[in-house]
C-alpha atoms as a PDB file:
ATOM      1  CA  MET A   1      11.147   9.010 -20.971  1.00  0.00           C
ATOM      2  CA  GLY A   2       7.909  10.900 -21.308  1.00  0.00           C
ATOM      3  CA  GLN A   3       4.938  11.152 -19.046  1.00  0.00           C
ATOM      4  CA  PRO A   4       2.718   8.062 -19.201  1.00  0.00           C
ATOM      5  CA  SER A   5      -0.765   8.258 -20.644  1.00  0.00           C
ATOM      6  CA  ALA A   6      -3.562   8.424 -18.095  1.00  0.00           C
ATOM      7  CA  GLU A   7      -4.625   4.874 -19.010  1.00  0.00           C
ATOM      8  CA  SER A   8      -1.057   3.560 -18.668  1.00  0.00           C
ATOM      9  CA  ALA A   9      -0.619   5.282 -15.288  1.00  0.00           C
ATOM     10  CA  LYS A  10      -3.911   3.811 -14.098  1.00  0.00           C
ATOM     11  CA  ARG A  11      -2.866   0.308 -15.220  1.00  0.00           C
ATOM     12  CA  VAL A  12       0.446   0.564 -13.337  1.00  0.00           C
ATOM     13  CA  ALA A  13      -1.201   1.866 -10.147  1.00  0.00           C
ATOM     14  CA  ARG A  14      -3.856  -0.876 -10.244  1.00  0.00           C
ATOM     15  CA  ALA A  15      -1.160  -3.521 -10.843  1.00  0.00           C
ATOM     16  CA  PHE A  16       0.667  -2.185  -7.772  1.00  0.00           C
ATOM     17  CA  ALA A  17      -2.549  -2.422  -5.717  1.00  0.00           C
ATOM     18  CA  ASP A  18      -3.114  -5.967  -7.008  1.00  0.00           C
ATOM     19  CA  ALA A  19       0.437  -6.956  -6.007  1.00  0.00           C
ATOM     20  CA  ILE A  20      -0.248  -5.574  -2.519  1.00  0.00           C
ATOM     21  CA  ASN A  21      -3.484  -7.571  -2.347  1.00  0.00           C
ATOM     22  CA  HIS A  22      -1.548 -10.741  -3.220  1.00  0.00           C
ATOM     23  CA  GLN A  23       1.199  -9.880  -0.686  1.00  0.00           C
ATOM     24  CA  ASP A  24       3.612 -10.344  -3.597  1.00  0.00           C
ATOM     25  CA  ALA A  25       6.815  -8.532  -2.610  1.00  0.00           C
ATOM     26  CA  ASP A  26       8.527  -9.667  -5.842  1.00  0.00           C
ATOM     27  CA  GLU A  27       5.828  -8.087  -8.010  1.00  0.00           C
ATOM     28  CA  ILE A  28       5.758  -4.942  -5.867  1.00  0.00           C
ATOM     29  CA  ASP A  29       9.543  -4.753  -6.294  1.00  0.00           C
ATOM     30  CA  LYS A  30       9.226  -4.953 -10.091  1.00  0.00           C
ATOM     31  CA  LEU A  31       6.690  -2.134 -10.063  1.00  0.00           C
ATOM     32  CA  MET A  32       8.773   0.276  -7.920  1.00  0.00           C
ATOM     33  CA  THR A  33      11.344   2.713  -9.276  1.00  0.00           C
ATOM     34  CA  GLU A  34      14.826   2.473  -7.716  1.00  0.00           C
ATOM     35  CA  ASP A  35      14.226   5.782  -5.904  1.00  0.00           C
ATOM     36  CA  HIS A  36      10.668   4.817  -4.877  1.00  0.00           C
ATOM     37  CA  LEU A  37       9.213   6.978  -2.095  1.00  0.00           C
ATOM     38  CA  PHE A  38       6.598   5.669   0.345  1.00  0.00           C
ATOM     39  CA  ILE A  39       4.718   8.151   2.532  1.00  0.00           C
ATOM     40  CA  ASP A  40       2.332   6.910   5.218  1.00  0.00           C
ATOM     41  CA  SER A  41      -0.656   8.611   6.787  1.00  0.00           C
ATOM     42  CA  LEU A  42       1.483  10.296   9.425  1.00  0.00           C
ATOM     43  CA  GLY A  43       3.848  11.729   6.816  1.00  0.00           C
ATOM     44  CA  SER A  44       6.671   9.287   7.585  1.00  0.00           C
ATOM     45  CA  LYS A  45       8.802   8.633   4.512  1.00  0.00           C
ATOM     46  CA  ILE A  46      10.822   5.665   3.356  1.00  0.00           C
ATOM     47  CA  GLN A  47      12.883   6.045   0.208  1.00  0.00           C
ATOM     48  CA  GLY A  48      14.493   3.356  -1.895  1.00  0.00           C
ATOM     49  CA  LYS A  49      13.369   0.114  -3.453  1.00  0.00           C
ATOM     50  CA  PRO A  50      15.359  -2.239  -1.145  1.00  0.00           C
ATOM     51  CA  GLN A  51      14.035  -0.538   2.006  1.00  0.00           C
ATOM     52  CA  MET A  52      10.443  -0.697   0.775  1.00  0.00           C
ATOM     53  CA  ARG A  53      10.723  -4.308  -0.353  1.00  0.00           C
ATOM     54  CA  GLU A  54      11.739  -5.241   3.213  1.00  0.00           C
ATOM     55  CA  GLY A  55       9.083  -2.910   4.611  1.00  0.00           C
ATOM     56  CA  TRP A  56       6.329  -4.636   2.633  1.00  0.00           C
ATOM     57  CA  LYS A  57       7.579  -8.076   3.685  1.00  0.00           C
ATOM     58  CA  ALA A  58       7.536  -7.025   7.349  1.00  0.00           C
ATOM     59  CA  TYR A  59       4.058  -5.512   7.017  1.00  0.00           C
ATOM     60  CA  PHE A  60       2.699  -8.662   5.368  1.00  0.00           C
ATOM     61  CA  ARG A  61       4.052 -10.702   8.282  1.00  0.00           C
ATOM     62  CA  MET A  62       2.254  -8.353  10.685  1.00  0.00           C
ATOM     63  CA  VAL A  63      -0.978  -8.238   8.622  1.00  0.00           C
ATOM     64  CA  PRO A  64      -0.902 -11.370   6.401  1.00  0.00           C
ATOM     65  CA  ASP A  65      -4.347 -10.769   4.903  1.00  0.00           C
ATOM     66  CA  TYR A  66      -3.832  -7.040   4.249  1.00  0.00           C
ATOM     67  CA  SER A  67      -5.849  -5.861   1.281  1.00  0.00           C
ATOM     68  CA  ILE A  68      -7.126  -2.736  -0.336  1.00  0.00           C
ATOM     69  CA  ALA A  69     -10.447  -2.423  -2.110  1.00  0.00           C
ATOM     70  CA  VAL A  70     -10.550   0.330  -4.693  1.00  0.00           C
ATOM     71  CA  ASP A  71     -13.991   1.833  -5.303  1.00  0.00           C
ATOM     72  CA  GLU A  72     -13.009   4.808  -7.435  1.00  0.00           C
ATOM     73  CA  THR A  73      -9.955   5.818  -9.464  1.00  0.00           C
ATOM     74  CA  LEU A  74      -9.078   9.344 -10.564  1.00  0.00           C
ATOM     75  CA  VAL A  75      -6.221  10.057 -12.972  1.00  0.00           C
ATOM     76  CA  ALA A  76      -4.446  13.289 -13.904  1.00  0.00           C
ATOM     77  CA  GLY A  77      -1.465  12.562 -16.118  1.00  0.00           C
ATOM     78  CA  ALA A  78       1.045  10.503 -14.139  1.00  0.00           C
ATOM     79  CA  VAL A  79      -0.874  10.878 -10.865  1.00  0.00           C
ATOM     80  CA  VAL A  80      -3.426   8.234  -9.904  1.00  0.00           C
ATOM     81  CA  VAL A  81      -5.664   8.603  -6.852  1.00  0.00           C
ATOM     82  CA  MET A  82      -7.618   5.583  -5.690  1.00  0.00           C
ATOM     83  CA  LEU A  83     -10.373   5.727  -3.074  1.00  0.00           C
ATOM     84  CA  GLY A  84     -11.688   2.788  -1.129  1.00  0.00           C
ATOM     85  CA  THR A  85     -11.123   0.687   1.962  1.00  0.00           C
ATOM     86  CA  VAL A  86      -8.117  -0.956   3.575  1.00  0.00           C
ATOM     87  CA  GLN A  87      -8.490  -3.988   5.811  1.00  0.00           C
ATOM     88  CA  GLY A  88      -6.638  -6.808   7.415  1.00  0.00           C
ATOM     89  CA  THR A  89      -6.029  -8.810  10.545  1.00  0.00           C
ATOM     90  CA  TYR A  90      -3.196  -8.017  12.925  1.00  0.00           C
ATOM     91  CA  SER A  91      -1.274 -11.246  13.440  1.00  0.00           C
ATOM     92  CA  THR A  92      -0.231 -12.285  16.919  1.00  0.00           C
ATOM     93  CA  GLY A  93       2.277 -15.096  16.867  1.00  0.00           C
ATOM     94  CA  GLY A  94       1.220 -16.014  13.340  1.00  0.00           C
ATOM     95  CA  ALA A  95      -2.437 -16.499  14.292  1.00  0.00           C
ATOM     96  CA  LEU A  96      -5.269 -14.497  12.762  1.00  0.00           C
ATOM     97  CA  GLN A  97      -7.880 -13.880  15.432  1.00  0.00           C
ATOM     98  CA  PRO A  98     -11.284 -12.407  14.416  1.00  0.00           C
ATOM     99  CA  GLU A  99     -11.035  -9.797  17.184  1.00  0.00           C
ATOM    100  CA  ASN A 100      -7.857  -8.450  15.536  1.00  0.00           C
ATOM    101  CA  ARG A 101      -9.574  -7.690  12.202  1.00  0.00           C
ATOM    102  CA  TRP A 102      -9.929  -4.060  11.173  1.00  0.00           C
ATOM    103  CA  ALA A 103     -11.074  -1.961   8.200  1.00  0.00           C
ATOM    104  CA  THR A 104     -11.037   1.746   7.499  1.00  0.00           C
ATOM    105  CA  PRO A 105     -11.669   4.103   4.565  1.00  0.00           C
ATOM    106  CA  ALA A 106      -8.500   4.966   2.673  1.00  0.00           C
ATOM    107  CA  ALA A 107      -7.026   6.734  -0.313  1.00  0.00           C
ATOM    108  CA  TRP A 108      -3.812   6.055  -2.197  1.00  0.00           C
ATOM    109  CA  ARG A 109      -1.873   8.403  -4.435  1.00  0.00           C
ATOM    110  CA  ALA A 110       0.521   6.898  -6.954  1.00  0.00           C
ATOM    111  CA  LEU A 111       2.979   8.867  -9.033  1.00  0.00           C
ATOM    112  CA  VAL A 112       3.890   6.785 -12.076  1.00  0.00           C
ATOM    113  CA  ARG A 113       7.171   7.181 -13.940  1.00  0.00           C
ATOM    114  CA  ASP A 114       8.426   4.921 -16.737  1.00  0.00           C
ATOM    115  CA  SER A 115       5.758   2.257 -16.101  1.00  0.00           C
ATOM    116  CA  GLN A 116       6.659   2.019 -12.416  1.00  0.00           C
ATOM    117  CA  VAL A 117       5.409   3.598  -9.202  1.00  0.00           C
ATOM    118  CA  ALA A 118       7.817   6.348  -8.139  1.00  0.00           C
ATOM    119  CA  GLU A 119       5.739   7.390  -5.131  1.00  0.00           C
ATOM    120  CA  TRP A 120       3.048   5.612  -3.122  1.00  0.00           C
ATOM    121  CA  ARG A 121       1.238   7.726  -0.566  1.00  0.00           C
ATOM    122  CA  VAL A 122      -1.334   6.278   1.815  1.00  0.00           C
ATOM    123  CA  PHE A 123      -4.104   8.258   3.482  1.00  0.00           C
ATOM    124  CA  ALA A 124      -5.917   6.142   6.091  1.00  0.00           C
ATOM    125  CA  ASP A 125      -6.964   6.308   9.695  1.00  0.00           C
ATOM    126  CA  ASN A 126      -4.553   3.863  11.343  1.00  0.00           C
ATOM    127  CA  GLU A 127      -6.186   4.182  14.759  1.00  0.00           C
ATOM    128  CA  PRO A 128      -8.117   0.890  14.433  1.00  0.00           C
ATOM    129  CA  ILE A 129      -4.937  -1.185  13.977  1.00  0.00           C
ATOM    130  CA  ARG A 130      -3.066   0.871  16.600  1.00  0.00           C
ATOM    131  CA  GLN A 131      -5.759   0.033  19.153  1.00  0.00           C
ATOM    132  CA  ILE A 132      -5.577  -3.666  18.269  1.00  0.00           C
ATOM    133  CA  MET A 133      -1.780  -3.641  18.535  1.00  0.00           C
ATOM    134  CA  ALA A 134      -1.946  -1.893  21.930  1.00  0.00           C
ATOM    135  CA  ARG A 135      -4.532  -4.365  23.191  1.00  0.00           C
ATOM    136  CA  ASN A 136      -2.307  -7.285  22.143  1.00  0.00           C
ATOM    137  CA  ARG A 137       0.775  -5.879  23.960  1.00  0.00           C
ATOM    138  CA  ARG A 138      -0.903  -6.238  27.346  1.00  0.00           C
END
């Protein structure tokens, strides 16, 4: 298969972001390549569609209202970079408490291959949610 057009790559990356915003693990799964690679802000990597499907499900249980707001999208061939904000509420025992809500600027880099996301890289300051998690462990 060839490299996607910039518009096609952008559509796939935005569909992936929309699936995340709907906490739709089935749709995320459809949009990931089998060898999908996820890289978080600390450089930790998870490879493979089954591992990431379970990872997203676990994250949505921890932050059930997790969402990303994209303000700007830049495309270079198969690479899509989106800039915006990530936010959510850390769930404690299934409850969403206002004091556990957080938001931080973020960027996402998607590498699109064959109308699917082959790599999803997140750049965000996770300190706000880390502090909330630490406070809730006490």
